[in-house]
Amino acid sequence: MEAITDLLHYLNPKVLIDTLLGIFGNWVYLALWFIIFAETGLAVGFFLPGDSLLVVSGLFAAAGKLNVYLTLAAFFLGSVIGDSTGYWTGRILGERLFNRENSRVFKPSRVQKAHIFFEKYGVKTVILARFVPIVRTFAPLVVGAAAMPYGKFLFFSILGGLLWINSMVLAGYFLGGVIENALGIRLEDHIEKVVIVVVALSLMPPFIEYLKHRFAKRAANVPTL
């Protein structure tokens, strides 16, 4: 239990960045690169902070504790390389991952459904998946298993990465100053609240989709007169 508590403590973006700065100093950007790489490219990294880490890093950059350009570069490269790692893992191990009919998650029928889905919504999905926690970890794996052409995937992965990284980091970088000037509130002193807001906003898209699915299913079950 204590180990879990310690883990949750260090997954707090502010604590995490402060700890990494203390350990790695100027090499902290490699550590930030690895976190986003693991969160986007390794299935076991789904629990790592994503959106909140990006926004808080922007706040740290605005405070002069991180270089904003190196931060953007580290996160962007980590996201693209991580995405490609997930893609090729799914592409190479796809049949092994989805060859159990009794599996609740990985089954051949779902590969076929994923293939059809990504052929129809591929561009939109690869980009928007960047902004949805957990989904961005597993989306490249499923896309690879569904055999989407890598060139097509890479192009939109890069585009999605640019949009995701820049919007989140620069939001923290510029928004902190705007709020401080307008309201006299230093976001750096309220990191925990910032994290809660970012996580809540990140979870809104899948929650809305869930509600839409539930209402559509309920409407389909209503008998017509």
C-alpha atoms as a PDB file:
ATOM      1  CA  MET A   1       0.000   0.000   0.000  1.00  0.00           C
ATOM      2  CA  GLU A   2       2.836   2.369   0.840  1.00  0.00           C
ATOM      3  CA  ALA A   3       4.470   1.626  -2.519  1.00  0.00           C
ATOM      4  CA  ILE A   4       1.250   2.552  -4.337  1.00  0.00           C
ATOM      5  CA  THR A   5       0.989   5.768  -2.334  1.00  0.00           C
ATOM      6  CA  ASP A   6       4.591   6.660  -3.213  1.00  0.00           C
ATOM      7  CA  LEU A   7       3.925   5.905  -6.890  1.00  0.00           C
ATOM      8  CA  LEU A   8       0.866   8.156  -6.971  1.00  0.00           C
ATOM      9  CA  HIS A   9       2.876  10.871  -5.236  1.00  0.00           C
ATOM     10  CA  TYR A  10       5.599  10.812  -7.882  1.00  0.00           C
ATOM     11  CA  LEU A  11       3.040  10.690 -10.705  1.00  0.00           C
ATOM     12  CA  ASN A  12       1.958  14.170  -9.679  1.00  0.00           C
ATOM     13  CA  PRO A  13       3.424  16.201 -12.591  1.00  0.00           C
ATOM     14  CA  LYS A  14       4.878  18.920 -10.357  1.00  0.00           C
ATOM     15  CA  VAL A  15       6.534  16.406  -8.032  1.00  0.00           C
ATOM     16  CA  LEU A  16       7.680  14.357 -11.014  1.00  0.00           C
ATOM     17  CA  ILE A  17       9.319  17.271 -12.823  1.00  0.00           C
ATOM     18  CA  ASP A  18      10.919  18.607  -9.647  1.00  0.00           C
ATOM     19  CA  THR A  19      12.300  15.131  -8.919  1.00  0.00           C
ATOM     20  CA  LEU A  20      13.610  14.681 -12.460  1.00  0.00           C
ATOM     21  CA  LEU A  21      15.258  18.111 -12.381  1.00  0.00           C
ATOM     22  CA  GLY A  22      16.975  17.177  -9.137  1.00  0.00           C
ATOM     23  CA  ILE A  23      18.210  13.856 -10.532  1.00  0.00           C
ATOM     24  CA  PHE A  24      19.047  14.675 -14.154  1.00  0.00           C
ATOM     25  CA  GLY A  25      19.626  18.422 -14.185  1.00  0.00           C
ATOM     26  CA  ASN A  26      20.112  19.566 -17.770  1.00  0.00           C
ATOM     27  CA  TRP A  27      19.459  16.001 -18.975  1.00  0.00           C
ATOM     28  CA  VAL A  28      15.874  16.213 -17.742  1.00  0.00           C
ATOM     29  CA  TYR A  29      14.632  16.466 -21.335  1.00  0.00           C
ATOM     30  CA  LEU A  30      15.670  12.860 -21.983  1.00  0.00           C
ATOM     31  CA  ALA A  31      13.576  11.791 -19.011  1.00  0.00           C
ATOM     32  CA  LEU A  32      10.603  13.806 -20.282  1.00  0.00           C
ATOM     33  CA  TRP A  33      11.102  12.236 -23.712  1.00  0.00           C
ATOM     34  CA  PHE A  34      11.004   8.762 -22.213  1.00  0.00           C
ATOM     35  CA  ILE A  35       7.823   9.397 -20.210  1.00  0.00           C
ATOM     36  CA  ILE A  36       5.848  10.475 -23.276  1.00  0.00           C
ATOM     37  CA  PHE A  37       7.457   7.697 -25.324  1.00  0.00           C
ATOM     38  CA  ALA A  38       6.322   5.123 -22.748  1.00  0.00           C
ATOM     39  CA  GLU A  39       2.857   6.649 -22.405  1.00  0.00           C
ATOM     40  CA  THR A  40       2.245   6.582 -26.154  1.00  0.00           C
ATOM     41  CA  GLY A  41       4.272   3.558 -27.239  1.00  0.00           C
ATOM     42  CA  LEU A  42       4.321   0.991 -24.442  1.00  0.00           C
ATOM     43  CA  ALA A  43       1.060  -0.606 -23.319  1.00  0.00           C
ATOM     44  CA  VAL A  44       2.323  -0.672 -19.732  1.00  0.00           C
ATOM     45  CA  GLY A  45       2.731   3.105 -19.802  1.00  0.00           C
ATOM     46  CA  PHE A  46      -0.977   3.931 -19.967  1.00  0.00           C
ATOM     47  CA  PHE A  47      -0.974   5.050 -16.313  1.00  0.00           C
ATOM     48  CA  LEU A  48       1.735   7.687 -16.829  1.00  0.00           C
ATOM     49  CA  PRO A  49       0.720  11.367 -16.838  1.00  0.00           C
ATOM     50  CA  GLY A  50       0.224  12.763 -20.322  1.00  0.00           C
ATOM     51  CA  ASP A  51      -1.855  15.911 -20.762  1.00  0.00           C
ATOM     52  CA  SER A  52      -1.229  17.115 -17.220  1.00  0.00           C
ATOM     53  CA  LEU A  53       2.535  16.610 -17.612  1.00  0.00           C
ATOM     54  CA  LEU A  54       2.541  18.666 -20.811  1.00  0.00           C
ATOM     55  CA  VAL A  55       0.583  21.561 -19.318  1.00  0.00           C
ATOM     56  CA  VAL A  56       2.596  21.617 -16.096  1.00  0.00           C
ATOM     57  CA  SER A  57       5.829  21.486 -18.115  1.00  0.00           C
ATOM     58  CA  GLY A  58       4.604  24.610 -19.895  1.00  0.00           C
ATOM     59  CA  LEU A  59       4.150  26.294 -16.516  1.00  0.00           C
ATOM     60  CA  PHE A  60       7.678  25.242 -15.521  1.00  0.00           C
ATOM     61  CA  ALA A  61       9.010  26.641 -18.806  1.00  0.00           C
ATOM     62  CA  ALA A  62       7.210  29.940 -18.218  1.00  0.00           C
ATOM     63  CA  ALA A  63       8.849  30.091 -14.779  1.00  0.00           C
ATOM     64  CA  GLY A  64      12.277  29.568 -16.362  1.00  0.00           C
ATOM     65  CA  LYS A  65      12.811  26.100 -14.890  1.00  0.00           C
ATOM     66  CA  LEU A  66      12.642  24.394 -18.301  1.00  0.00           C
ATOM     67  CA  ASN A  67      13.603  25.510 -21.797  1.00  0.00           C
ATOM     68  CA  VAL A  68      10.354  25.674 -23.740  1.00  0.00           C
ATOM     69  CA  TYR A  69      11.959  24.730 -27.080  1.00  0.00           C
ATOM     70  CA  LEU A  70      13.794  21.699 -25.712  1.00  0.00           C
ATOM     71  CA  THR A  71      10.645  20.685 -23.843  1.00  0.00           C
ATOM     72  CA  LEU A  72       8.539  20.854 -27.011  1.00  0.00           C
ATOM     73  CA  ALA A  73      11.164  18.935 -28.989  1.00  0.00           C
ATOM     74  CA  ALA A  74      11.537  16.205 -26.350  1.00  0.00           C
ATOM     75  CA  PHE A  75       7.802  15.666 -26.037  1.00  0.00           C
ATOM     76  CA  PHE A  76       7.196  15.749 -29.790  1.00  0.00           C
ATOM     77  CA  LEU A  77       9.933  13.229 -30.580  1.00  0.00           C
ATOM     78  CA  GLY A  78       8.770  11.009 -27.733  1.00  0.00           C
ATOM     79  CA  SER A  79       5.195  11.071 -28.994  1.00  0.00           C
ATOM     80  CA  VAL A  80       6.082  10.246 -32.607  1.00  0.00           C
ATOM     81  CA  ILE A  81       8.612   7.525 -31.767  1.00  0.00           C
ATOM     82  CA  GLY A  82       6.231   6.122 -29.156  1.00  0.00           C
ATOM     83  CA  ASP A  83       3.355   6.067 -31.629  1.00  0.00           C
ATOM     84  CA  SER A  84       5.506   4.277 -34.203  1.00  0.00           C
ATOM     85  CA  THR A  85       6.664   1.755 -31.602  1.00  0.00           C
ATOM     86  CA  GLY A  86       3.055   0.966 -30.727  1.00  0.00           C
ATOM     87  CA  TYR A  87       2.161   0.729 -34.411  1.00  0.00           C
ATOM     88  CA  TRP A  88       4.916  -1.747 -35.247  1.00  0.00           C
ATOM     89  CA  THR A  89       4.216  -3.770 -32.122  1.00  0.00           C
ATOM     90  CA  GLY A  90       0.648  -4.192 -33.302  1.00  0.00           C
ATOM     91  CA  ARG A  91       1.736  -4.765 -36.897  1.00  0.00           C
ATOM     92  CA  ILE A  92       4.284  -7.476 -36.023  1.00  0.00           C
ATOM     93  CA  LEU A  93       2.504  -9.152 -33.123  1.00  0.00           C
ATOM     94  CA  GLY A  94      -1.022  -8.514 -34.319  1.00  0.00           C
ATOM     95  CA  GLU A  95      -1.901 -12.126 -35.021  1.00  0.00           C
ATOM     96  CA  ARG A  96      -0.429 -13.260 -31.717  1.00  0.00           C
ATOM     97  CA  LEU A  97      -2.266 -10.558 -29.805  1.00  0.00           C
ATOM     98  CA  PHE A  98      -5.612 -11.200 -31.446  1.00  0.00           C
ATOM     99  CA  ASN A  99      -5.666 -14.976 -31.939  1.00  0.00           C
ATOM    100  CA  ARG A 100      -7.668 -15.873 -28.831  1.00  0.00           C
ATOM    101  CA  GLU A 101     -11.405 -15.968 -29.445  1.00  0.00           C
ATOM    102  CA  ASN A 102     -12.093 -16.205 -25.711  1.00  0.00           C
ATOM    103  CA  SER A 103     -10.150 -13.021 -24.949  1.00  0.00           C
ATOM    104  CA  ARG A 104     -12.276 -10.088 -23.838  1.00  0.00           C
ATOM    105  CA  VAL A 105      -9.911  -7.538 -25.363  1.00  0.00           C
ATOM    106  CA  PHE A 106      -7.879  -9.068 -28.191  1.00  0.00           C
ATOM    107  CA  LYS A 107      -9.757 -11.210 -30.691  1.00  0.00           C
ATOM    108  CA  PRO A 108      -9.542 -11.581 -34.523  1.00  0.00           C
ATOM    109  CA  SER A 109     -13.034 -10.187 -35.069  1.00  0.00           C
ATOM    110  CA  ARG A 110     -11.989  -6.940 -33.438  1.00  0.00           C
ATOM    111  CA  VAL A 111      -8.981  -6.610 -35.737  1.00  0.00           C
ATOM    112  CA  GLN A 112     -11.350  -6.757 -38.694  1.00  0.00           C
ATOM    113  CA  LYS A 113     -13.655  -4.202 -37.080  1.00  0.00           C
ATOM    114  CA  ALA A 114     -10.669  -1.984 -36.298  1.00  0.00           C
ATOM    115  CA  HIS A 115      -9.474  -2.266 -39.891  1.00  0.00           C
ATOM    116  CA  ILE A 116     -12.878  -1.162 -41.224  1.00  0.00           C
ATOM    117  CA  PHE A 117     -13.150   1.600 -38.626  1.00  0.00           C
ATOM    118  CA  PHE A 118      -9.717   3.064 -39.283  1.00  0.00           C
ATOM    119  CA  GLU A 119     -10.176   2.855 -43.035  1.00  0.00           C
ATOM    120  CA  LYS A 120     -13.306   4.966 -42.630  1.00  0.00           C
ATOM    121  CA  TYR A 121     -12.227   7.300 -39.828  1.00  0.00           C
ATOM    122  CA  GLY A 122      -8.458   6.777 -39.879  1.00  0.00           C
ATOM    123  CA  VAL A 123      -7.331  10.384 -40.316  1.00  0.00           C
ATOM    124  CA  LYS A 124      -9.678  11.710 -37.658  1.00  0.00           C
ATOM    125  CA  THR A 125      -8.978   8.876 -35.253  1.00  0.00           C
ATOM    126  CA  VAL A 126      -5.169   8.974 -35.385  1.00  0.00           C
ATOM    127  CA  ILE A 127      -5.196  12.708 -34.681  1.00  0.00           C
ATOM    128  CA  LEU A 128      -7.933  12.858 -32.039  1.00  0.00           C
ATOM    129  CA  ALA A 129      -6.645   9.798 -30.181  1.00  0.00           C
ATOM    130  CA  ARG A 130      -3.725  11.973 -29.094  1.00  0.00           C
ATOM    131  CA  PHE A 131      -6.032  13.969 -26.857  1.00  0.00           C
ATOM    132  CA  VAL A 132      -7.723  11.035 -25.113  1.00  0.00           C
ATOM    133  CA  PRO A 133      -5.922   9.383 -22.157  1.00  0.00           C
ATOM    134  CA  ILE A 134      -5.410   5.598 -22.411  1.00  0.00           C
ATOM    135  CA  VAL A 135      -6.833   5.638 -25.961  1.00  0.00           C
ATOM    136  CA  ARG A 136      -3.632   7.235 -27.252  1.00  0.00           C
ATOM    137  CA  THR A 137      -1.662   4.386 -25.667  1.00  0.00           C
ATOM    138  CA  PHE A 138      -3.583   1.581 -27.346  1.00  0.00           C
ATOM    139  CA  ALA A 139      -4.697   3.246 -30.594  1.00  0.00           C
ATOM    140  CA  PRO A 140      -1.337   2.756 -32.400  1.00  0.00           C
ATOM    141  CA  LEU A 141      -1.328  -0.904 -31.353  1.00  0.00           C
ATOM    142  CA  VAL A 142      -4.775  -1.476 -32.842  1.00  0.00           C
ATOM    143  CA  VAL A 143      -4.001   0.559 -35.974  1.00  0.00           C
ATOM    144  CA  GLY A 144      -0.861  -1.485 -36.557  1.00  0.00           C
ATOM    145  CA  ALA A 145      -2.739  -4.745 -36.050  1.00  0.00           C
ATOM    146  CA  ALA A 146      -5.374  -3.500 -38.500  1.00  0.00           C
ATOM    147  CA  ALA A 147      -2.556  -2.991 -41.072  1.00  0.00           C
ATOM    148  CA  MET A 148      -3.137   0.680 -41.832  1.00  0.00           C
ATOM    149  CA  PRO A 149      -0.326   1.742 -44.240  1.00  0.00           C
ATOM    150  CA  TYR A 150       2.559   3.041 -42.126  1.00  0.00           C
ATOM    151  CA  GLY A 151       3.181   6.099 -44.299  1.00  0.00           C
ATOM    152  CA  LYS A 152      -0.402   7.216 -43.838  1.00  0.00           C
ATOM    153  CA  PHE A 153      -0.278   6.512 -40.107  1.00  0.00           C
ATOM    154  CA  LEU A 154       3.048   8.320 -39.651  1.00  0.00           C
ATOM    155  CA  PHE A 155       1.884  11.453 -41.455  1.00  0.00           C
ATOM    156  CA  PHE A 156      -1.177  11.891 -39.274  1.00  0.00           C
ATOM    157  CA  SER A 157       0.688  10.748 -36.184  1.00  0.00           C
ATOM    158  CA  ILE A 158       3.158  13.601 -36.735  1.00  0.00           C
ATOM    159  CA  LEU A 159       0.310  16.043 -37.366  1.00  0.00           C
ATOM    160  CA  GLY A 160      -1.541  14.858 -34.269  1.00  0.00           C
ATOM    161  CA  GLY A 161       1.656  14.997 -32.234  1.00  0.00           C
ATOM    162  CA  LEU A 162       2.320  18.587 -33.270  1.00  0.00           C
ATOM    163  CA  LEU A 163      -1.216  19.629 -32.373  1.00  0.00           C
ATOM    164  CA  TRP A 164      -1.247  17.754 -29.073  1.00  0.00           C
ATOM    165  CA  ILE A 165       2.196  18.720 -27.785  1.00  0.00           C
ATOM    166  CA  ASN A 166       2.078  22.356 -28.860  1.00  0.00           C
ATOM    167  CA  SER A 167      -1.471  22.994 -27.658  1.00  0.00           C
ATOM    168  CA  MET A 168      -0.872  21.487 -24.214  1.00  0.00           C
ATOM    169  CA  VAL A 169       2.626  22.821 -23.493  1.00  0.00           C
ATOM    170  CA  LEU A 170       1.958  26.288 -24.886  1.00  0.00           C
ATOM    171  CA  ALA A 171      -1.364  26.451 -23.039  1.00  0.00           C
ATOM    172  CA  GLY A 172       0.550  26.100 -19.792  1.00  0.00           C
ATOM    173  CA  TYR A 173       3.309  28.404 -21.004  1.00  0.00           C
ATOM    174  CA  PHE A 174       1.083  31.321 -22.056  1.00  0.00           C
ATOM    175  CA  LEU A 175      -2.094  30.752 -20.053  1.00  0.00           C
ATOM    176  CA  GLY A 176      -0.243  30.981 -16.759  1.00  0.00           C
ATOM    177  CA  GLY A 177       0.939  34.498 -17.570  1.00  0.00           C
ATOM    178  CA  VAL A 178      -2.461  35.593 -18.873  1.00  0.00           C
ATOM    179  CA  ILE A 179      -4.279  34.410 -15.744  1.00  0.00           C
ATOM    180  CA  GLU A 180      -1.661  35.940 -13.461  1.00  0.00           C
ATOM    181  CA  ASN A 181      -1.926  39.315 -15.208  1.00  0.00           C
ATOM    182  CA  ALA A 182      -5.720  39.253 -15.340  1.00  0.00           C
ATOM    183  CA  LEU A 183      -6.581  37.736 -11.961  1.00  0.00           C
ATOM    184  CA  GLY A 184      -3.368  37.965  -9.979  1.00  0.00           C
ATOM    185  CA  ILE A 185      -3.335  34.180  -9.549  1.00  0.00           C
ATOM    186  CA  ARG A 186      -0.082  32.257 -10.038  1.00  0.00           C
ATOM    187  CA  LEU A 187      -0.996  28.888 -11.553  1.00  0.00           C
ATOM    188  CA  GLU A 188       2.391  27.585 -10.437  1.00  0.00           C
ATOM    189  CA  ASP A 189       1.093  27.840  -6.861  1.00  0.00           C
ATOM    190  CA  HIS A 190      -2.013  25.814  -7.733  1.00  0.00           C
ATOM    191  CA  ILE A 191      -0.551  22.922  -9.732  1.00  0.00           C
ATOM    192  CA  GLU A 192      -2.832  20.333  -8.117  1.00  0.00           C
ATOM    193  CA  LYS A 193      -5.935  22.253  -9.222  1.00  0.00           C
ATOM    194  CA  VAL A 194      -4.491  22.673 -12.709  1.00  0.00           C
ATOM    195  CA  VAL A 195      -3.926  18.913 -12.944  1.00  0.00           C
ATOM    196  CA  ILE A 196      -7.504  18.188 -11.859  1.00  0.00           C
ATOM    197  CA  VAL A 197      -8.891  20.566 -14.495  1.00  0.00           C
ATOM    198  CA  VAL A 198      -6.667  19.141 -17.249  1.00  0.00           C
ATOM    199  CA  VAL A 199      -7.567  15.541 -16.387  1.00  0.00           C
ATOM    200  CA  ALA A 200     -11.276  16.414 -16.257  1.00  0.00           C
ATOM    201  CA  LEU A 201     -11.110  18.093 -19.672  1.00  0.00           C
ATOM    202  CA  SER A 202      -9.153  15.146 -21.089  1.00  0.00           C
ATOM    203  CA  LEU A 203     -11.813  12.690 -19.938  1.00  0.00           C
ATOM    204  CA  MET A 204     -14.715  14.694 -21.362  1.00  0.00           C
ATOM    205  CA  PRO A 205     -14.502  13.425 -24.991  1.00  0.00           C
ATOM    206  CA  PRO A 206     -14.719   9.694 -24.142  1.00  0.00           C
ATOM    207  CA  PHE A 207     -17.409  10.430 -21.532  1.00  0.00           C
ATOM    208  CA  ILE A 208     -19.488  12.329 -24.095  1.00  0.00           C
ATOM    209  CA  GLU A 209     -19.038   9.503 -26.606  1.00  0.00           C
ATOM    210  CA  TYR A 210     -20.116   7.016 -23.936  1.00  0.00           C
ATOM    211  CA  LEU A 211     -23.277   9.011 -23.213  1.00  0.00           C
ATOM    212  CA  LYS A 212     -24.061   9.332 -26.923  1.00  0.00           C
ATOM    213  CA  HIS A 213     -23.632   5.580 -27.330  1.00  0.00           C
ATOM    214  CA  ARG A 214     -25.877   4.849 -24.339  1.00  0.00           C
ATOM    215  CA  PHE A 215     -28.616   7.217 -25.520  1.00  0.00           C
ATOM    216  CA  ALA A 216     -28.436   5.877 -29.080  1.00  0.00           C
ATOM    217  CA  LYS A 217     -28.680   2.307 -27.798  1.00  0.00           C
ATOM    218  CA  ARG A 218     -31.601   3.206 -25.541  1.00  0.00           C
ATOM    219  CA  ALA A 219     -33.385   4.977 -28.405  1.00  0.00           C
ATOM    220  CA  ALA A 220     -32.903   1.943 -30.643  1.00  0.00           C
ATOM    221  CA  ASN A 221     -34.559  -0.264 -28.025  1.00  0.00           C
ATOM    222  CA  VAL A 222     -37.647   1.946 -27.704  1.00  0.00           C
ATOM    223  CA  PRO A 223     -40.532   0.196 -29.514  1.00  0.00           C
ATOM    224  CA  THR A 224     -42.218   2.192 -32.248  1.00  0.00           C
ATOM    225  CA  LEU A 225     -45.984   2.700 -32.205  1.00  0.00           C
END
